[in-house]
Amino acid sequence: MKGIKKTEQSFAPFFYAVMFFLCRDG
């Protein structure tokens, strides 16, 4: 699971964008 960190850093902006969209839409 150590390799997850690098993917998490790259995926974070997209993840937050989706969360923001869901919260705003919901």
Protein backbone atom coordinates (compact mmCIF):
# COMPACT_ATOMS: atom_id res chain seq x y z
CA MET A 1 0.00 0.00 0.00
CA LYS A 2 3.05 2.30 0.09
CA GLY A 3 2.75 2.99 -3.65
CA ILE A 4 -0.74 4.37 -3.02
CA LYS A 5 0.70 7.65 -1.71
CA LYS A 6 2.07 8.79 -5.09
CA THR A 7 -1.19 7.88 -6.80
CA GLU A 8 -3.10 9.62 -4.03
CA GLN A 9 -1.17 12.86 -4.56
CA SER A 10 -1.91 12.82 -8.29
CA PHE A 11 -5.52 11.78 -7.75
CA ALA A 12 -6.24 14.23 -4.93
CA PRO A 13 -7.19 17.25 -7.14
CA PHE A 14 -9.58 15.09 -9.17
CA PHE A 15 -11.01 13.54 -6.01
CA TYR A 16 -11.64 16.93 -4.42
CA ALA A 17 -13.20 18.22 -7.65
CA VAL A 18 -15.62 15.29 -7.69
CA MET A 19 -16.46 15.74 -4.01
CA PHE A 20 -17.06 19.46 -4.56
CA PHE A 21 -19.31 18.71 -7.55
CA LEU A 22 -21.27 16.09 -5.60
CA CYS A 23 -21.72 18.37 -2.59
CA ARG A 24 -22.77 21.28 -4.77
CA ASP A 25 -25.12 19.13 -6.85
CA GLY A 26 -26.53 17.25 -3.88
